Structure formats: structure tokens, C-alpha cells
Amino acid sequence: MNYSAKMLRDDALSDKVIVVTGGGSGLGKAMTQYFLELGAKVAITSRDLNKLQTTATELATATGGTCLAVQCDVRHYDQVEAMLAEVLKTFGKVDVLLNNAAGNFISPTERLSANAFDTIIDIVLKGSKNCTLAFGKHWIETKQTNCNVLNIVTTYAWTGSAYVVPSATAKAGVLAMTRSLAVEWAKYGIRMNAIAPGPFPTKGAWDRLLPGDLADQFDMSKKVPLKRVGDHQELANLAAYLVSDFSAYINGEVVTIDGGEWLQGAGQFNILEKIPSEMWDMLEMMIKSKGSK
């Protein structure tokens, strides 16, 4: 099966202007490329303007599309407003906001400084809030409809997770904001949805999460029932669908794309998968003998 196959027709996003935060690399770059291939005009933002400009040029050349690089630190509301103004000046409108900018690292929580904790909260939760508020206010004030926000969360946004507590805390807040505004802003023609990806390895993020030889010691594919990690195009396919008009009746939803990873961890008896098949006959006999007494 070709997991990197593209899902939507070529003109699926031809009338859309999309802003992707954290679009200069990794999954943000992969989603941006597919949006461009589907005909959207895309603005990518991050703090690193040089990386953004390199990515924008690369993607525009590869796709023939229009990709605008805009420097913005989403932690600062005035920079978000300035970024929005530049996008509007260039494209005349904006239809979709993809809150993808994030930060994360592994650490026992008691080892974290308050500043380290704040850094993740500020990028993930405050940054998503800043962008959502700025874009939402613009859409409401201009009475623009058929707009939507897509947030990238995680499966541990609803379960929590040890050793990434700042990220879990922030992503849970983004998830609550998604569901809350899906109801409150629907009357303005604004949809809110989210994606909760499982393991989709990227060079930068995964080097920080699993430095050195940890990636070899903790093979993420072994935690996934499908026994593989995700292909970037699979996430891009889902994101493109959720920001397109084909998903116009989907609002307030969080779509998990993780090969069943979080469910495997959630099931109390899923550990029984480790029992070899030849042992099950013996176990069945033992269970039956106890039942007959």
C-alpha cells in the first residue's frame, strides 16, 4: 500500500488562503506543500525568517504555488496582529489558520525550571490562543464566513503523559479551546477542529525528544498496533480534508491519526499481546479447570 499517495483532487483548495504557524520545517512544511499542490496560497510563519524564506522558495519552486514567509513569534500578540496584516496585504483575505507551532522536550517535571515550563505553555497554548483570537476577531468584524481553524494537538491532550507535562498541559488547553469555540463561533461561520497525531518522526522535533541513541532504544513503531510510524503525507491528507469545503459539516472534532497507539496504551489487558501463541492453549486449560471446580 502506498501511504504517501495524495488524497484530494488537484483543485480542492484553489480558493483558499491558509496560514500555517511553524510552517518552516517538519510536519508544518509537509502540510504546507500539500496545500500548495492543491491550489491554496499559503503563508508560513515562525521566528526563523531565514529558514522560512528557504522553505517558501523551495516549496514554491516544487509546486508552482505561492508561498509567503512571514516572521512571527506567536507568543506575542502584537507580532501575530502584524503577521495577519501582512498576509491580508499580500493576499487580500485569509480563510484558514493552522496552529502548528509547538515546542516540547522530555524531562522529569521536578527538574524543570518555571521558565522552561512557561516556554512550552507560551508557544503552544498562548501562541494558539493569540493566533485564534486575532484571526477570529478579524473574521467576525469583517463578517467573513466559511473560515476555519485547525489545531494540532496530541493524544495525551486528554490522557496526560509523564515526562512531557508542560506539553500535555498546553495541548489540553488547546483541545478545550477547540471544542469551546466550535460551539461559540459557529454562528459566525467559523469552524474549529483538531488533529491528534501519533508518531510522525521529524528530524528536529524527534532529535529533541529522543536524543542520542534513545530513538533506537525506544522504537516508537513497536508501540503502534499497525507496527509502523506515520508517513507525513498521511497527516497532510487529513489536514487538507479538514481545512477544505469537503469537511464543511465537521466542527468541534478531534481526529486521532496514530495507528491505534493511544488505545493500545489505554487498554488494561493489552499487555497480554506479549503472551506467545503457544502459551494460550495452556492458559485456556488452566482457566477451564478453575471454572469447573
C-alpha atoms as a PDB file:
ATOM      1  CA  MET A   1       0.000   0.000   0.000  1.00  0.00           C
ATOM      2  CA  ASN A   2       1.260   3.481  -0.878  1.00  0.00           C
ATOM      3  CA  TYR A   3       0.919   5.543   2.308  1.00  0.00           C
ATOM      4  CA  SER A   4       2.395   8.597   0.574  1.00  0.00           C
ATOM      5  CA  ALA A   5      -0.354   8.770  -2.066  1.00  0.00           C
ATOM      6  CA  LYS A   6      -2.243  12.057  -2.290  1.00  0.00           C
ATOM      7  CA  MET A   7      -5.932  12.005  -1.469  1.00  0.00           C
ATOM      8  CA  LEU A   8      -7.780  15.065  -2.800  1.00  0.00           C
ATOM      9  CA  ARG A   9      -8.297  16.358  -6.321  1.00  0.00           C
ATOM     10  CA  ASP A  10      -5.813  18.948  -7.545  1.00  0.00           C
ATOM     11  CA  ASP A  11      -8.105  21.981  -7.210  1.00  0.00           C
ATOM     12  CA  ALA A  12      -9.505  21.119  -3.780  1.00  0.00           C
ATOM     13  CA  LEU A  13      -8.036  24.234  -2.117  1.00  0.00           C
ATOM     14  CA  SER A  14      -7.783  26.545  -5.099  1.00  0.00           C
ATOM     15  CA  ASP A  15      -9.799  29.344  -3.471  1.00  0.00           C
ATOM     16  CA  LYS A  16      -8.144  29.180  -0.044  1.00  0.00           C
ATOM     17  CA  VAL A  17      -5.588  31.368   1.696  1.00  0.00           C
ATOM     18  CA  ILE A  18      -4.029  29.424   4.563  1.00  0.00           C
ATOM     19  CA  VAL A  19      -1.682  30.481   7.356  1.00  0.00           C
ATOM     20  CA  VAL A  20       0.484  27.731   8.856  1.00  0.00           C
ATOM     21  CA  THR A  21       2.346  28.563  12.058  1.00  0.00           C
ATOM     22  CA  GLY A  22       5.572  26.616  12.446  1.00  0.00           C
ATOM     23  CA  GLY A  23       5.450  26.005   8.706  1.00  0.00           C
ATOM     24  CA  GLY A  24       9.170  26.207   8.026  1.00  0.00           C
ATOM     25  CA  SER A  25      10.028  22.587   8.727  1.00  0.00           C
ATOM     26  CA  GLY A  26       8.771  19.160   9.747  1.00  0.00           C
ATOM     27  CA  LEU A  27       5.072  18.395   9.647  1.00  0.00           C
ATOM     28  CA  GLY A  28       4.186  22.045   9.057  1.00  0.00           C
ATOM     29  CA  LYS A  29       6.280  22.013   5.897  1.00  0.00           C
ATOM     30  CA  ALA A  30       4.716  18.734   4.729  1.00  0.00           C
ATOM     31  CA  MET A  31       1.188  20.066   5.189  1.00  0.00           C
ATOM     32  CA  THR A  32       2.090  23.358   3.520  1.00  0.00           C
ATOM     33  CA  GLN A  33       3.460  21.572   0.462  1.00  0.00           C
ATOM     34  CA  TYR A  34       0.254  19.600   0.002  1.00  0.00           C
ATOM     35  CA  PHE A  35      -1.894  22.709   0.457  1.00  0.00           C
ATOM     36  CA  LEU A  36       0.118  24.382  -2.302  1.00  0.00           C
ATOM     37  CA  GLU A  37      -0.229  21.340  -4.556  1.00  0.00           C
ATOM     38  CA  LEU A  38      -3.999  21.570  -4.092  1.00  0.00           C
ATOM     39  CA  GLY A  39      -4.021  25.201  -5.247  1.00  0.00           C
ATOM     40  CA  ALA A  40      -4.026  27.154  -1.980  1.00  0.00           C
ATOM     41  CA  LYS A  41      -1.972  30.254  -1.322  1.00  0.00           C
ATOM     42  CA  VAL A  42      -0.064  29.699   1.912  1.00  0.00           C
ATOM     43  CA  ALA A  43       1.728  31.926   4.399  1.00  0.00           C
ATOM     44  CA  ILE A  44       4.181  30.153   6.690  1.00  0.00           C
ATOM     45  CA  THR A  45       5.347  31.713   9.943  1.00  0.00           C
ATOM     46  CA  SER A  46       7.957  31.138  12.631  1.00  0.00           C
ATOM     47  CA  ARG A  47      10.683  33.070  14.432  1.00  0.00           C
ATOM     48  CA  ASP A  48      13.428  31.993  11.991  1.00  0.00           C
ATOM     49  CA  LEU A  49      12.982  34.144   8.882  1.00  0.00           C
ATOM     50  CA  ASN A  50      15.946  32.655   7.020  1.00  0.00           C
ATOM     51  CA  LYS A  51      14.565  29.134   7.374  1.00  0.00           C
ATOM     52  CA  LEU A  52      11.106  30.344   6.375  1.00  0.00           C
ATOM     53  CA  GLN A  53      12.375  32.071   3.234  1.00  0.00           C
ATOM     54  CA  THR A  54      14.372  28.998   2.218  1.00  0.00           C
ATOM     55  CA  THR A  55      11.328  26.773   2.727  1.00  0.00           C
ATOM     56  CA  ALA A  56       8.985  29.172   0.913  1.00  0.00           C
ATOM     57  CA  THR A  57      11.278  29.322  -2.109  1.00  0.00           C
ATOM     58  CA  GLU A  58      11.743  25.546  -2.128  1.00  0.00           C
ATOM     59  CA  LEU A  59       8.026  24.808  -1.916  1.00  0.00           C
ATOM     60  CA  ALA A  60       7.021  27.446  -4.455  1.00  0.00           C
ATOM     61  CA  THR A  61       9.550  26.009  -6.910  1.00  0.00           C
ATOM     62  CA  ALA A  62       8.429  22.438  -6.274  1.00  0.00           C
ATOM     63  CA  THR A  63       4.697  23.116  -6.553  1.00  0.00           C
ATOM     64  CA  GLY A  64       4.370  26.200  -8.719  1.00  0.00           C
ATOM     65  CA  GLY A  65       2.309  27.719  -5.930  1.00  0.00           C
ATOM     66  CA  THR A  66       2.529  30.935  -3.943  1.00  0.00           C
ATOM     67  CA  CYS A  67       4.151  30.658  -0.514  1.00  0.00           C
ATOM     68  CA  LEU A  68       4.734  33.721   1.663  1.00  0.00           C
ATOM     69  CA  ALA A  69       7.268  33.731   4.507  1.00  0.00           C
ATOM     70  CA  VAL A  70       6.295  35.935   7.464  1.00  0.00           C
ATOM     71  CA  GLN A  71       8.411  36.179  10.603  1.00  0.00           C
ATOM     72  CA  CYS A  72       6.311  35.939  13.749  1.00  0.00           C
ATOM     73  CA  ASP A  73       6.772  34.863  17.339  1.00  0.00           C
ATOM     74  CA  VAL A  74       3.296  33.599  18.217  1.00  0.00           C
ATOM     75  CA  ARG A  75       3.965  34.224  21.917  1.00  0.00           C
ATOM     76  CA  HIS A  76       3.491  37.953  21.292  1.00  0.00           C
ATOM     77  CA  TYR A  77       0.035  39.175  20.284  1.00  0.00           C
ATOM     78  CA  ASP A  78       1.336  42.309  18.564  1.00  0.00           C
ATOM     79  CA  GLN A  79       3.507  40.170  16.291  1.00  0.00           C
ATOM     80  CA  VAL A  80       0.532  37.955  15.459  1.00  0.00           C
ATOM     81  CA  GLU A  81      -1.519  41.029  14.519  1.00  0.00           C
ATOM     82  CA  ALA A  82       1.341  42.288  12.343  1.00  0.00           C
ATOM     83  CA  MET A  83       1.626  38.879  10.665  1.00  0.00           C
ATOM     84  CA  LEU A  84      -2.104  38.826   9.935  1.00  0.00           C
ATOM     85  CA  ALA A  85      -1.903  42.335   8.494  1.00  0.00           C
ATOM     86  CA  GLU A  86       0.926  41.303   6.162  1.00  0.00           C
ATOM     87  CA  VAL A  87      -0.998  38.258   4.950  1.00  0.00           C
ATOM     88  CA  LEU A  88      -4.071  40.388   4.287  1.00  0.00           C
ATOM     89  CA  LYS A  89      -1.961  42.982   2.469  1.00  0.00           C
ATOM     90  CA  THR A  90      -0.462  40.297   0.234  1.00  0.00           C
ATOM     91  CA  PHE A  91      -3.444  38.039  -0.408  1.00  0.00           C
ATOM     92  CA  GLY A  92      -6.436  40.247   0.426  1.00  0.00           C
ATOM     93  CA  LYS A  93      -8.003  37.672   2.722  1.00  0.00           C
ATOM     94  CA  VAL A  94      -7.302  34.627   4.855  1.00  0.00           C
ATOM     95  CA  ASP A  95      -9.581  31.613   5.127  1.00  0.00           C
ATOM     96  CA  VAL A  96      -7.763  29.100   7.306  1.00  0.00           C
ATOM     97  CA  LEU A  97      -5.495  29.180  10.335  1.00  0.00           C
ATOM     98  CA  LEU A  98      -3.440  26.078  11.114  1.00  0.00           C
ATOM     99  CA  ASN A  99      -1.997  26.307  14.632  1.00  0.00           C
ATOM    100  CA  ASN A 100       1.001  24.027  14.268  1.00  0.00           C
ATOM    101  CA  ALA A 101       3.798  25.899  16.096  1.00  0.00           C
ATOM    102  CA  ALA A 102       4.941  23.878  19.088  1.00  0.00           C
ATOM    103  CA  GLY A 103       7.774  23.116  21.452  1.00  0.00           C
ATOM    104  CA  ASN A 104       8.464  20.053  23.553  1.00  0.00           C
ATOM    105  CA  PHE A 105      11.202  18.176  25.392  1.00  0.00           C
ATOM    106  CA  ILE A 106      11.419  15.237  27.760  1.00  0.00           C
ATOM    107  CA  SER A 107      12.284  15.782  31.397  1.00  0.00           C
ATOM    108  CA  PRO A 108      11.247  14.729  34.886  1.00  0.00           C
ATOM    109  CA  THR A 109       8.992  17.592  35.890  1.00  0.00           C
ATOM    110  CA  GLU A 110      10.854  18.283  39.136  1.00  0.00           C
ATOM    111  CA  ARG A 111      13.951  19.073  37.069  1.00  0.00           C
ATOM    112  CA  LEU A 112      12.181  21.839  35.124  1.00  0.00           C
ATOM    113  CA  SER A 113      12.567  25.489  35.950  1.00  0.00           C
ATOM    114  CA  ALA A 114       9.472  27.648  35.957  1.00  0.00           C
ATOM    115  CA  ASN A 115      10.865  29.370  32.867  1.00  0.00           C
ATOM    116  CA  ALA A 116      11.249  26.077  30.988  1.00  0.00           C
ATOM    117  CA  PHE A 117       7.646  25.180  31.799  1.00  0.00           C
ATOM    118  CA  ASP A 118       6.494  28.645  30.706  1.00  0.00           C
ATOM    119  CA  THR A 119       8.341  28.383  27.389  1.00  0.00           C
ATOM    120  CA  ILE A 120       6.219  25.436  26.261  1.00  0.00           C
ATOM    121  CA  ILE A 121       2.984  26.903  27.620  1.00  0.00           C
ATOM    122  CA  ASP A 122       3.703  30.207  25.871  1.00  0.00           C
ATOM    123  CA  ILE A 123       4.405  28.671  22.463  1.00  0.00           C
ATOM    124  CA  VAL A 124       1.704  26.010  22.409  1.00  0.00           C
ATOM    125  CA  LEU A 125      -1.213  27.377  24.430  1.00  0.00           C
ATOM    126  CA  LYS A 126      -0.632  31.119  24.451  1.00  0.00           C
ATOM    127  CA  GLY A 127       0.551  31.072  20.837  1.00  0.00           C
ATOM    128  CA  SER A 128      -2.513  29.158  19.653  1.00  0.00           C
ATOM    129  CA  LYS A 129      -4.728  31.493  21.685  1.00  0.00           C
ATOM    130  CA  ASN A 130      -3.065  34.593  20.223  1.00  0.00           C
ATOM    131  CA  CYS A 131      -3.479  33.440  16.635  1.00  0.00           C
ATOM    132  CA  THR A 132      -7.002  32.119  17.119  1.00  0.00           C
ATOM    133  CA  LEU A 133      -8.137  35.328  18.812  1.00  0.00           C
ATOM    134  CA  ALA A 134      -6.569  37.640  16.234  1.00  0.00           C
ATOM    135  CA  PHE A 135      -7.904  35.718  13.242  1.00  0.00           C
ATOM    136  CA  GLY A 136     -11.311  35.117  14.841  1.00  0.00           C
ATOM    137  CA  LYS A 137     -11.758  38.796  15.665  1.00  0.00           C
ATOM    138  CA  HIS A 138     -10.846  39.703  12.082  1.00  0.00           C
ATOM    139  CA  TRP A 139     -13.314  37.236  10.596  1.00  0.00           C
ATOM    140  CA  ILE A 140     -16.113  38.320  12.908  1.00  0.00           C
ATOM    141  CA  GLU A 141     -15.514  42.049  12.389  1.00  0.00           C
ATOM    142  CA  THR A 142     -15.369  41.691   8.583  1.00  0.00           C
ATOM    143  CA  LYS A 143     -18.306  39.233   8.557  1.00  0.00           C
ATOM    144  CA  GLN A 144     -16.227  36.753   6.559  1.00  0.00           C
ATOM    145  CA  THR A 145     -17.755  33.273   6.712  1.00  0.00           C
ATOM    146  CA  ASN A 146     -16.636  29.785   5.708  1.00  0.00           C
ATOM    147  CA  CYS A 147     -13.453  30.155   7.757  1.00  0.00           C
ATOM    148  CA  ASN A 148     -11.844  27.543   9.945  1.00  0.00           C
ATOM    149  CA  VAL A 149      -9.113  26.910  12.468  1.00  0.00           C
ATOM    150  CA  LEU A 150      -7.275  23.595  12.612  1.00  0.00           C
ATOM    151  CA  ASN A 151      -5.220  22.894  15.733  1.00  0.00           C
ATOM    152  CA  ILE A 152      -2.519  20.250  16.052  1.00  0.00           C
ATOM    153  CA  VAL A 153      -2.823  18.628  19.475  1.00  0.00           C
ATOM    154  CA  THR A 154      -1.709  15.204  20.775  1.00  0.00           C
ATOM    155  CA  THR A 155      -3.380  12.062  22.063  1.00  0.00           C
ATOM    156  CA  TYR A 156      -2.052  12.836  25.526  1.00  0.00           C
ATOM    157  CA  ALA A 157      -4.043  16.070  25.471  1.00  0.00           C
ATOM    158  CA  TRP A 158      -6.877  14.052  27.046  1.00  0.00           C
ATOM    159  CA  THR A 159      -4.902  11.379  28.910  1.00  0.00           C
ATOM    160  CA  GLY A 160      -1.915  13.400  30.099  1.00  0.00           C
ATOM    161  CA  SER A 161       1.610  11.999  29.927  1.00  0.00           C
ATOM    162  CA  ALA A 162       4.527  11.825  32.309  1.00  0.00           C
ATOM    163  CA  TYR A 163       7.820  13.470  31.347  1.00  0.00           C
ATOM    164  CA  VAL A 164       6.186  15.902  28.885  1.00  0.00           C
ATOM    165  CA  VAL A 165       3.944  17.631  31.423  1.00  0.00           C
ATOM    166  CA  PRO A 166       4.260  21.198  30.017  1.00  0.00           C
ATOM    167  CA  SER A 167       3.282  19.952  26.562  1.00  0.00           C
ATOM    168  CA  ALA A 168       0.411  17.844  27.924  1.00  0.00           C
ATOM    169  CA  THR A 169      -0.867  20.804  29.915  1.00  0.00           C
ATOM    170  CA  ALA A 170      -0.684  23.168  26.959  1.00  0.00           C
ATOM    171  CA  LYS A 171      -2.197  20.760  24.430  1.00  0.00           C
ATOM    172  CA  ALA A 172      -5.088  20.011  26.805  1.00  0.00           C
ATOM    173  CA  GLY A 173      -5.805  23.741  26.872  1.00  0.00           C
ATOM    174  CA  VAL A 174      -5.745  23.928  23.070  1.00  0.00           C
ATOM    175  CA  LEU A 175      -8.138  20.983  22.904  1.00  0.00           C
ATOM    176  CA  ALA A 176     -10.560  22.684  25.308  1.00  0.00           C
ATOM    177  CA  MET A 177     -10.344  25.911  23.294  1.00  0.00           C
ATOM    178  CA  THR A 178     -11.084  23.990  20.089  1.00  0.00           C
ATOM    179  CA  ARG A 179     -14.240  22.404  21.458  1.00  0.00           C
ATOM    180  CA  SER A 180     -15.426  25.550  23.221  1.00  0.00           C
ATOM    181  CA  LEU A 181     -15.074  27.872  20.231  1.00  0.00           C
ATOM    182  CA  ALA A 182     -16.569  25.286  17.883  1.00  0.00           C
ATOM    183  CA  VAL A 183     -19.849  25.998  19.639  1.00  0.00           C
ATOM    184  CA  GLU A 184     -19.415  29.695  20.368  1.00  0.00           C
ATOM    185  CA  TRP A 185     -18.158  30.800  16.949  1.00  0.00           C
ATOM    186  CA  ALA A 186     -20.183  28.515  14.683  1.00  0.00           C
ATOM    187  CA  LYS A 187     -22.797  31.252  14.363  1.00  0.00           C
ATOM    188  CA  TYR A 188     -20.150  33.405  12.667  1.00  0.00           C
ATOM    189  CA  GLY A 189     -19.364  30.746  10.071  1.00  0.00           C
ATOM    190  CA  ILE A 190     -16.120  29.691  11.781  1.00  0.00           C
ATOM    191  CA  ARG A 191     -15.332  26.003  12.248  1.00  0.00           C
ATOM    192  CA  MET A 192     -12.851  24.670  14.815  1.00  0.00           C
ATOM    193  CA  ASN A 193     -11.260  21.228  14.566  1.00  0.00           C
ATOM    194  CA  ALA A 194      -8.099  19.470  15.679  1.00  0.00           C
ATOM    195  CA  ILE A 195      -5.818  16.605  14.749  1.00  0.00           C
ATOM    196  CA  ALA A 196      -4.101  14.418  17.345  1.00  0.00           C
ATOM    197  CA  PRO A 197      -1.138  12.781  15.590  1.00  0.00           C
ATOM    198  CA  GLY A 198       0.740   9.784  16.910  1.00  0.00           C
ATOM    199  CA  PRO A 199       4.343   9.048  15.924  1.00  0.00           C
ATOM    200  CA  PHE A 200       5.271  11.010  12.798  1.00  0.00           C
ATOM    201  CA  PRO A 201       9.049  11.330  13.159  1.00  0.00           C
ATOM    202  CA  THR A 202      10.663  14.593  12.086  1.00  0.00           C
ATOM    203  CA  LYS A 203      14.345  15.404  12.262  1.00  0.00           C
ATOM    204  CA  GLY A 204      14.252  18.427  14.568  1.00  0.00           C
ATOM    205  CA  ALA A 205      11.470  17.543  16.998  1.00  0.00           C
ATOM    206  CA  TRP A 206      12.397  13.897  17.432  1.00  0.00           C
ATOM    207  CA  ASP A 207      16.068  14.694  17.959  1.00  0.00           C
ATOM    208  CA  ARG A 208      14.988  16.821  20.924  1.00  0.00           C
ATOM    209  CA  LEU A 209      12.512  14.292  22.288  1.00  0.00           C
ATOM    210  CA  LEU A 210      14.739  11.231  21.831  1.00  0.00           C
ATOM    211  CA  PRO A 211      18.347  12.463  21.709  1.00  0.00           C
ATOM    212  CA  GLY A 212      21.395  10.278  21.159  1.00  0.00           C
ATOM    213  CA  ASP A 213      20.589   6.583  20.841  1.00  0.00           C
ATOM    214  CA  LEU A 214      17.234   6.852  22.635  1.00  0.00           C
ATOM    215  CA  ALA A 215      15.413   6.653  19.314  1.00  0.00           C
ATOM    216  CA  ASP A 216      16.917   3.184  18.804  1.00  0.00           C
ATOM    217  CA  GLN A 217      16.183   2.081  22.363  1.00  0.00           C
ATOM    218  CA  PHE A 218      12.592   3.305  22.251  1.00  0.00           C
ATOM    219  CA  ASP A 219      11.341   2.189  18.844  1.00  0.00           C
ATOM    220  CA  MET A 220       8.020   4.057  18.574  1.00  0.00           C
ATOM    221  CA  SER A 221       6.716   1.716  15.884  1.00  0.00           C
ATOM    222  CA  LYS A 222       6.635  -1.099  18.448  1.00  0.00           C
ATOM    223  CA  LYS A 223       4.022   0.823  20.447  1.00  0.00           C
ATOM    224  CA  VAL A 224       1.687   1.072  17.453  1.00  0.00           C
ATOM    225  CA  PRO A 225      -0.703  -1.809  16.702  1.00  0.00           C
ATOM    226  CA  LEU A 226      -0.090  -1.274  12.980  1.00  0.00           C
ATOM    227  CA  LYS A 227       3.655  -1.711  13.685  1.00  0.00           C
ATOM    228  CA  ARG A 228       4.786   1.397  11.841  1.00  0.00           C
ATOM    229  CA  VAL A 229       5.036   5.143  12.248  1.00  0.00           C
ATOM    230  CA  GLY A 230       3.056   7.604  10.175  1.00  0.00           C
ATOM    231  CA  ASP A 231       4.013   8.954   6.756  1.00  0.00           C
ATOM    232  CA  HIS A 232       3.925  12.745   6.557  1.00  0.00           C
ATOM    233  CA  GLN A 233       1.596  12.629   3.555  1.00  0.00           C
ATOM    234  CA  GLU A 234      -0.987  10.749   5.617  1.00  0.00           C
ATOM    235  CA  LEU A 235      -1.163  13.676   8.033  1.00  0.00           C
ATOM    236  CA  ALA A 236      -1.181  16.165   5.156  1.00  0.00           C
ATOM    237  CA  ASN A 237      -4.099  14.311   3.555  1.00  0.00           C
ATOM    238  CA  LEU A 238      -6.148  14.569   6.745  1.00  0.00           C
ATOM    239  CA  ALA A 239      -5.259  18.221   7.313  1.00  0.00           C
ATOM    240  CA  ALA A 240      -6.143  19.146   3.735  1.00  0.00           C
ATOM    241  CA  TYR A 241      -9.529  17.462   4.077  1.00  0.00           C
ATOM    242  CA  LEU A 242     -10.318  19.216   7.359  1.00  0.00           C
ATOM    243  CA  VAL A 243      -9.490  22.687   6.017  1.00  0.00           C
ATOM    244  CA  SER A 244     -11.345  22.074   2.748  1.00  0.00           C
ATOM    245  CA  ASP A 245     -15.010  22.629   1.993  1.00  0.00           C
ATOM    246  CA  PHE A 246     -15.467  18.852   1.819  1.00  0.00           C
ATOM    247  CA  SER A 247     -15.495  18.832   5.628  1.00  0.00           C
ATOM    248  CA  ALA A 248     -17.978  21.697   5.973  1.00  0.00           C
ATOM    249  CA  TYR A 249     -20.163  19.753   8.445  1.00  0.00           C
ATOM    250  CA  ILE A 250     -17.297  18.741  10.719  1.00  0.00           C
ATOM    251  CA  ASN A 251     -16.998  21.112  13.670  1.00  0.00           C
ATOM    252  CA  GLY A 252     -15.533  20.622  17.130  1.00  0.00           C
ATOM    253  CA  GLU A 253     -13.999  17.295  16.210  1.00  0.00           C
ATOM    254  CA  VAL A 254     -10.602  15.906  17.169  1.00  0.00           C
ATOM    255  CA  VAL A 255      -9.341  13.275  14.740  1.00  0.00           C
ATOM    256  CA  THR A 256      -6.728  10.867  16.035  1.00  0.00           C
ATOM    257  CA  ILE A 257      -4.226   9.560  13.485  1.00  0.00           C
ATOM    258  CA  ASP A 258      -1.862   7.259  15.353  1.00  0.00           C
ATOM    259  CA  GLY A 259      -2.343   3.693  14.113  1.00  0.00           C
ATOM    260  CA  GLY A 260      -4.137   2.839  17.364  1.00  0.00           C
ATOM    261  CA  GLU A 261      -1.178   3.770  19.603  1.00  0.00           C
ATOM    262  CA  TRP A 262      -3.045   5.507  22.397  1.00  0.00           C
ATOM    263  CA  LEU A 263      -5.721   2.815  22.576  1.00  0.00           C
ATOM    264  CA  GLN A 264      -3.056   0.159  22.970  1.00  0.00           C
ATOM    265  CA  GLY A 265      -1.689   2.025  25.960  1.00  0.00           C
ATOM    266  CA  ALA A 266      -5.163   2.637  27.401  1.00  0.00           C
ATOM    267  CA  GLY A 267      -6.441  -0.956  27.420  1.00  0.00           C
ATOM    268  CA  GLN A 268      -5.822  -2.564  30.821  1.00  0.00           C
ATOM    269  CA  PHE A 269      -5.157  -6.016  29.382  1.00  0.00           C
ATOM    270  CA  ASN A 270      -3.446  -5.014  26.131  1.00  0.00           C
ATOM    271  CA  ILE A 271      -0.168  -6.199  27.661  1.00  0.00           C
ATOM    272  CA  LEU A 272      -1.417  -9.753  27.045  1.00  0.00           C
ATOM    273  CA  GLU A 273      -0.293  -9.267  23.450  1.00  0.00           C
ATOM    274  CA  LYS A 274       3.167 -10.251  24.722  1.00  0.00           C
ATOM    275  CA  ILE A 275       1.980 -13.770  25.564  1.00  0.00           C
ATOM    276  CA  PRO A 276       3.251 -16.150  22.859  1.00  0.00           C
ATOM    277  CA  SER A 277       0.592 -18.098  20.977  1.00  0.00           C
ATOM    278  CA  GLU A 278       1.753 -21.479  22.283  1.00  0.00           C
ATOM    279  CA  MET A 279       1.005 -20.363  25.845  1.00  0.00           C
ATOM    280  CA  TRP A 280      -2.639 -19.600  25.169  1.00  0.00           C
ATOM    281  CA  ASP A 281      -3.595 -23.312  24.986  1.00  0.00           C
ATOM    282  CA  MET A 282      -2.094 -23.861  28.418  1.00  0.00           C
ATOM    283  CA  LEU A 283      -3.757 -20.753  29.834  1.00  0.00           C
ATOM    284  CA  GLU A 284      -7.108 -21.790  28.388  1.00  0.00           C
ATOM    285  CA  MET A 285      -6.839 -25.185  30.077  1.00  0.00           C
ATOM    286  CA  MET A 286      -5.969 -23.561  33.388  1.00  0.00           C
ATOM    287  CA  ILE A 287      -8.905 -21.164  33.147  1.00  0.00           C
ATOM    288  CA  LYS A 288     -11.325 -24.003  32.277  1.00  0.00           C
ATOM    289  CA  SER A 289     -10.079 -26.174  35.130  1.00  0.00           C
ATOM    290  CA  LYS A 290     -10.713 -23.367  37.621  1.00  0.00           C
ATOM    291  CA  GLY A 291     -14.164 -22.814  36.145  1.00  0.00           C
ATOM    292  CA  SER A 292     -15.157 -26.450  36.554  1.00  0.00           C
ATOM    293  CA  LYS A 293     -14.412 -26.530  40.279  1.00  0.00           C
END
